[in-house]
Protein backbone atom coordinates (compact mmCIF):
# COMPACT_ATOMS: atom_id res chain seq x y z
CA MET A 1 16.13 -10.94 12.27
CA LYS A 2 18.23 -10.46 9.28
CA GLU A 3 19.05 -7.33 8.05
CA LEU A 4 17.24 -7.89 4.51
CA LEU A 5 16.70 -4.85 3.43
CA LYS A 6 20.53 -3.18 4.92
CA GLY A 7 21.68 -0.20 2.71
CA LYS A 8 18.43 -0.14 0.43
CA ASN A 9 16.42 3.04 0.25
CA ILE A 10 12.69 2.29 0.70
CA LEU A 11 10.04 4.90 -0.11
CA ILE A 12 6.91 4.60 2.27
CA MET A 13 3.57 6.39 0.96
CA GLY A 14 0.65 6.15 2.82
CA VAL A 15 1.50 6.52 6.32
CA ARG A 16 -1.10 8.78 8.24
CA ASN A 17 -0.81 7.54 12.06
CA LYS A 18 0.62 4.60 14.21
CA TRP A 19 -2.54 2.55 13.19
CA SER A 20 -1.41 2.23 9.38
CA ILE A 21 -0.37 -0.35 7.41
CA ALA A 22 2.02 1.21 6.03
CA TRP A 23 3.64 2.01 9.44
CA GLY A 24 3.79 -1.89 10.39
CA ILE A 25 5.73 -1.87 6.85
CA ALA A 26 7.97 0.94 7.62
CA LYS A 27 8.78 -0.77 11.61
CA SER A 28 9.73 -3.86 9.68
CA SER A 29 11.50 -2.15 7.23
CA ALA A 30 13.73 -0.18 9.93
CA ALA A 31 14.30 -3.58 11.56
CA ASN A 32 15.31 -4.69 8.54
CA GLY A 33 18.18 -2.02 8.43
CA ALA A 34 16.18 0.08 5.70
CA ASN A 35 16.60 3.77 5.22
CA LEU A 36 13.51 4.80 5.08
CA ILE A 37 12.19 7.81 3.23
CA PHE A 38 8.62 9.00 3.76
CA THR A 39 5.49 11.31 2.00
CA TYR A 40 2.81 12.76 3.38
CA GLN A 41 -0.12 13.94 1.52
CA SER A 42 -1.21 17.23 2.68
CA ASP A 43 0.08 19.71 4.91
CA ARG A 44 -1.88 18.92 8.12
CA GLU A 45 -0.20 15.42 8.05
CA GLU A 46 3.14 16.44 8.15
CA LYS A 47 3.80 16.78 11.56
CA ASP A 48 2.40 13.47 12.47
CA VAL A 49 4.46 11.81 9.50
CA ALA A 50 7.62 13.57 10.60
CA ASP A 51 7.09 12.29 14.34
CA LEU A 52 6.61 9.06 12.98
CA ALA A 53 9.41 9.18 10.42
CA ALA A 54 12.01 10.31 13.71
CA SER A 55 11.28 7.71 15.54
CA LEU A 56 12.40 5.36 12.93
CA GLY A 57 15.69 7.30 13.06
CA SER A 58 14.50 9.21 9.22
CA SER A 59 14.17 12.88 8.21
CA SER A 60 13.78 12.07 4.82
CA ILE A 61 9.95 13.08 4.47
CA TYR A 62 8.76 14.70 1.23
CA LYS A 63 5.00 16.21 0.49
CA CYS A 64 3.18 14.50 -2.48
CA ASP A 65 -0.46 14.96 -3.38
CA ILE A 66 -0.58 11.42 -5.64
CA SER A 67 -3.39 13.26 -7.48
CA SER A 68 -0.87 15.82 -8.76
CA ASP A 69 1.67 14.97 -11.48
CA GLU A 70 3.29 18.15 -10.64
CA GLU A 71 4.05 17.18 -7.31
CA ILE A 72 4.82 13.13 -8.04
CA ASP A 73 7.51 14.88 -10.67
CA THR A 74 8.81 16.76 -8.03
CA LEU A 75 9.12 14.30 -5.32
CA PHE A 76 10.51 11.84 -8.09
CA ASP A 77 12.98 14.46 -9.02
CA ASN A 78 14.20 15.22 -5.21
CA LEU A 79 14.43 11.50 -4.81
CA LYS A 80 17.13 11.25 -7.26
CA LYS A 81 18.44 15.02 -6.53
CA ASN A 82 18.97 13.65 -2.33
CA HIS A 83 19.34 9.87 -2.35
CA GLY A 84 20.36 8.77 -6.30
CA ILE A 85 18.64 5.54 -5.94
CA VAL A 86 15.40 3.72 -4.90
CA HIS A 87 15.39 0.06 -4.26
CA GLY A 88 11.62 -0.37 -3.02
CA LEU A 89 8.42 1.76 -3.20
CA VAL A 90 5.56 0.67 -0.64
CA HIS A 91 1.90 2.29 -2.46
CA SER A 92 -0.46 2.22 0.35
CA ILE A 93 -3.21 4.65 -0.78
CA ALA A 94 -6.49 4.70 -1.24
CA HIS A 95 -9.56 6.53 -0.99
CA ALA A 96 -13.22 7.07 -2.13
CA ASN A 97 -15.93 9.67 -1.00
CA THR A 98 -17.67 9.06 2.35
CA GLU A 99 -21.08 9.21 0.60
CA ASP A 100 -19.95 6.70 -1.97
CA ILE A 101 -18.96 3.56 0.52
CA ARG A 102 -22.00 4.61 3.05
CA ASN A 103 -24.70 4.80 0.00
CA ASN A 104 -25.71 1.28 -2.04
CA PHE A 105 -22.58 0.71 -4.53
CA ILE A 106 -25.39 1.49 -7.47
CA ASN A 107 -25.77 4.90 -6.16
CA THR A 108 -22.31 5.75 -6.90
CA SER A 109 -21.75 9.17 -8.19
CA ARG A 110 -19.78 9.48 -11.68
CA GLU A 111 -17.37 12.21 -9.86
CA GLY A 112 -17.09 9.53 -6.96
CA PHE A 113 -16.13 6.82 -8.97
CA LEU A 114 -13.62 8.64 -11.08
CA HIS A 115 -12.09 9.97 -7.80
CA ALA A 116 -11.72 6.35 -6.41
CA LEU A 117 -9.75 4.99 -8.86
CA ASP A 118 -7.73 7.69 -9.84
CA VAL A 119 -6.44 7.82 -6.31
CA SER A 120 -6.74 4.12 -5.50
CA ALA A 121 -5.69 2.71 -8.36
CA TYR A 122 -3.67 4.97 -11.15
CA SER A 123 -1.93 6.86 -8.75
CA LEU A 124 0.24 3.55 -8.70
CA VAL A 125 0.89 3.77 -12.21
CA ALA A 126 1.93 7.24 -11.92
CA VAL A 127 4.45 6.83 -9.26
CA SER A 128 5.56 3.45 -10.80
CA ARG A 129 6.33 5.28 -13.61
CA ARG A 130 8.50 7.68 -12.32
CA ALA A 131 9.71 4.99 -9.65
CA ALA A 132 11.37 3.24 -12.53
CA GLU A 133 13.75 6.20 -13.69
CA VAL A 134 15.53 5.49 -9.64
CA MET A 135 15.28 2.07 -9.74
CA THR A 136 18.44 1.64 -11.73
CA GLU A 137 19.82 -1.79 -9.94
CA GLY A 138 16.23 -3.15 -10.27
CA GLY A 139 13.56 -3.41 -7.24
CA SER A 140 10.48 -3.71 -5.66
CA ILE A 141 7.08 -2.16 -5.85
CA LEU A 142 4.60 -3.15 -3.48
CA THR A 143 0.51 -2.07 -2.60
CA LEU A 144 -2.14 -3.01 -0.81
CA THR A 145 -5.38 -4.19 -1.56
CA TYR A 146 -8.18 -6.41 0.03
CA MET A 147 -10.42 -8.86 -1.07
CA GLY A 148 -13.43 -6.85 -1.54
CA SER A 149 -11.65 -6.88 -4.88
CA GLU A 150 -12.79 -10.15 -5.68
CA LYS A 151 -15.84 -11.00 -3.44
CA VAL A 152 -18.75 -8.58 -2.35
CA PHE A 153 -18.30 -7.18 1.12
CA PRO A 154 -21.55 -5.16 1.98
CA GLY A 155 -20.07 -1.65 2.31
CA TYR A 156 -16.77 -1.85 0.88
CA ASN A 157 -18.58 -0.67 -2.46
CA VAL A 158 -16.95 1.45 -4.73
CA MET A 159 -13.64 0.89 -3.05
CA GLY A 160 -14.20 -3.48 -3.76
CA VAL A 161 -14.26 -1.92 -7.57
CA ALA A 162 -11.26 -0.02 -6.92
CA LYS A 163 -8.87 -2.58 -5.90
CA ALA A 164 -10.24 -4.87 -8.54
CA ALA A 165 -8.49 -2.22 -10.75
CA LEU A 166 -5.57 -1.84 -8.91
CA GLU A 167 -4.78 -5.67 -8.53
CA ALA A 168 -5.01 -5.17 -12.54
CA CYS A 169 -2.55 -2.58 -12.51
CA VAL A 170 -0.05 -4.67 -10.55
CA ARG A 171 -0.26 -7.63 -13.09
CA TYR A 172 0.12 -4.82 -16.26
CA LEU A 173 2.94 -2.92 -14.64
CA ALA A 174 4.47 -6.03 -13.33
CA TYR A 175 4.87 -6.63 -17.53
CA ASP A 176 6.05 -3.70 -18.39
CA LEU A 177 8.71 -3.00 -15.38
CA GLY A 178 10.03 -6.56 -15.70
CA PRO A 179 12.52 -6.09 -18.15
CA ALA A 180 14.32 -3.28 -15.87
CA ASN A 181 14.32 -6.21 -13.15
CA ILE A 182 11.58 -4.52 -11.02
CA ARG A 183 9.04 -6.77 -9.42
CA VAL A 184 5.39 -5.19 -8.80
CA ASN A 185 3.05 -7.12 -5.85
CA ALA A 186 0.48 -6.49 -3.78
CA ILE A 187 -0.58 -7.84 -0.24
CA SER A 188 -4.23 -8.57 0.16
CA ALA A 189 -4.44 -7.83 4.03
CA GLY A 190 -7.17 -9.70 5.91
CA ALA A 191 -9.52 -7.15 8.22
CA ILE A 192 -7.75 -4.87 10.29
CA LYS A 193 -8.50 -1.93 12.24
CA THR A 194 -7.34 1.05 10.65
CA LEU A 195 -8.15 4.54 10.26
CA SER A 196 -9.69 4.18 6.86
CA SER A 197 -11.38 0.96 8.08
CA LYS A 198 -13.52 2.91 10.13
CA ALA A 199 -15.58 4.43 7.14
CA ILE A 200 -16.70 0.99 5.76
CA LYS A 201 -20.15 0.28 7.18
CA GLY A 202 -20.32 -2.70 9.33
CA PHE A 203 -16.56 -3.37 9.65
CA GLY A 204 -17.03 -4.44 13.07
CA ASN A 205 -19.22 -7.33 11.60
CA ILE A 206 -16.22 -8.17 8.92
CA LEU A 207 -13.80 -8.33 11.68
CA GLU A 208 -15.92 -10.51 13.71
CA ILE A 209 -16.69 -13.05 10.96
CA SER A 210 -13.22 -13.02 10.15
CA GLN A 211 -11.70 -13.87 13.60
CA GLU A 212 -14.48 -16.71 13.87
CA ARG A 213 -13.65 -18.25 10.41
CA SER A 214 -10.10 -18.08 9.63
CA PRO A 215 -8.08 -21.05 9.45
CA LEU A 216 -6.09 -19.48 12.28
CA ARG A 217 -9.18 -18.08 13.97
CA ARG A 218 -7.99 -14.55 14.69
CA THR A 219 -7.34 -11.66 12.59
CA VAL A 220 -3.91 -10.57 11.15
CA GLU A 221 -1.98 -7.90 13.10
CA GLN A 222 0.25 -4.74 11.93
CA ASP A 223 3.60 -6.61 12.17
CA GLU A 224 2.44 -9.53 10.45
CA LEU A 225 1.76 -7.51 7.53
CA GLY A 226 4.92 -5.63 8.09
CA ASP A 227 7.18 -8.74 7.64
CA ALA A 228 5.18 -10.35 4.68
CA ALA A 229 6.17 -6.99 3.07
CA ILE A 230 9.86 -7.50 3.98
CA PHE A 231 9.64 -10.46 2.00
CA LEU A 232 8.21 -8.95 -0.94
CA LEU A 233 10.82 -5.99 -0.60
CA SER A 234 13.68 -7.92 -0.26
CA ASP A 235 15.83 -10.50 -2.63
CA LEU A 236 14.22 -13.26 -1.09
CA SER A 237 11.28 -12.64 -3.23
CA ARG A 238 13.36 -11.86 -6.44
CA ALA A 239 11.47 -14.49 -8.55
CA ILE A 240 8.09 -13.26 -7.82
CA THR A 241 6.10 -10.57 -9.53
CA GLY A 242 2.94 -9.81 -10.56
CA GLU A 243 1.27 -11.67 -7.71
CA ILE A 244 -1.57 -10.70 -5.25
CA MET A 245 -0.23 -12.58 -2.00
CA PHE A 246 -2.89 -12.79 0.80
CA VAL A 247 -1.78 -12.20 4.69
CA ASP A 248 -5.09 -12.92 5.97
CA CYS A 249 -4.74 -15.94 8.38
CA GLY A 250 -6.23 -17.12 5.93
CA TYR A 251 -9.29 -16.29 5.50
CA ASN A 252 -9.54 -16.02 1.46
CA ILE A 253 -9.66 -19.82 1.34
CA MET A 254 -12.89 -20.42 2.92
CA GLY A 255 -16.25 -20.95 1.28
CA ILE A 256 -19.08 -19.93 4.90
């Protein structure tokens, strides 16, 4: 594979373990020559993220709770001081309270709704605002979404609403940041086993149906999501912004 990201500083936000989609993107980025920078959410995740980063030759890890504007400011101040410039940012962060995923959507609490929207959608706005300051040569911002933003997947509930908001944020951010030659896109990933997917009631059924009905008769794999991300992070996609790109073995085109 060509080193499409050679010499590029790529910030990866959202790696939790080796099953994370963000980890698949990190591996593909490393294979394409990127200089990787990682964030971790809390102290309990520091060692795991540090070990994964080290396995790809990176020691650049920073703490950032994306619900805190102060920590976001500290992160980007450190990036500017230690790295000077960022060329790409991967936002793979989402969260909803367990009770708001497990219960019917109509029972979503006000607090739970606000939490899901804050962490899963507004965080992209918050980090993009600061990222623009260190993307002085232009760049690419990439986030992760799911088709539950467009269609009802029982059990996805408030996260589907949060992903719909996230996709709207992608379009508005693409417009605002376009003059700075910063592109903003999202990958709508097909059903894939991650730690987060375990929280979705009936996820096994979603996985099985996706495999049976997608045109390719299978579900997407981690490295395939990683390779699609490379396209959107690299100059190959230099004329693409504000888009939601499905990487789901074609499942999204099916009516039944």
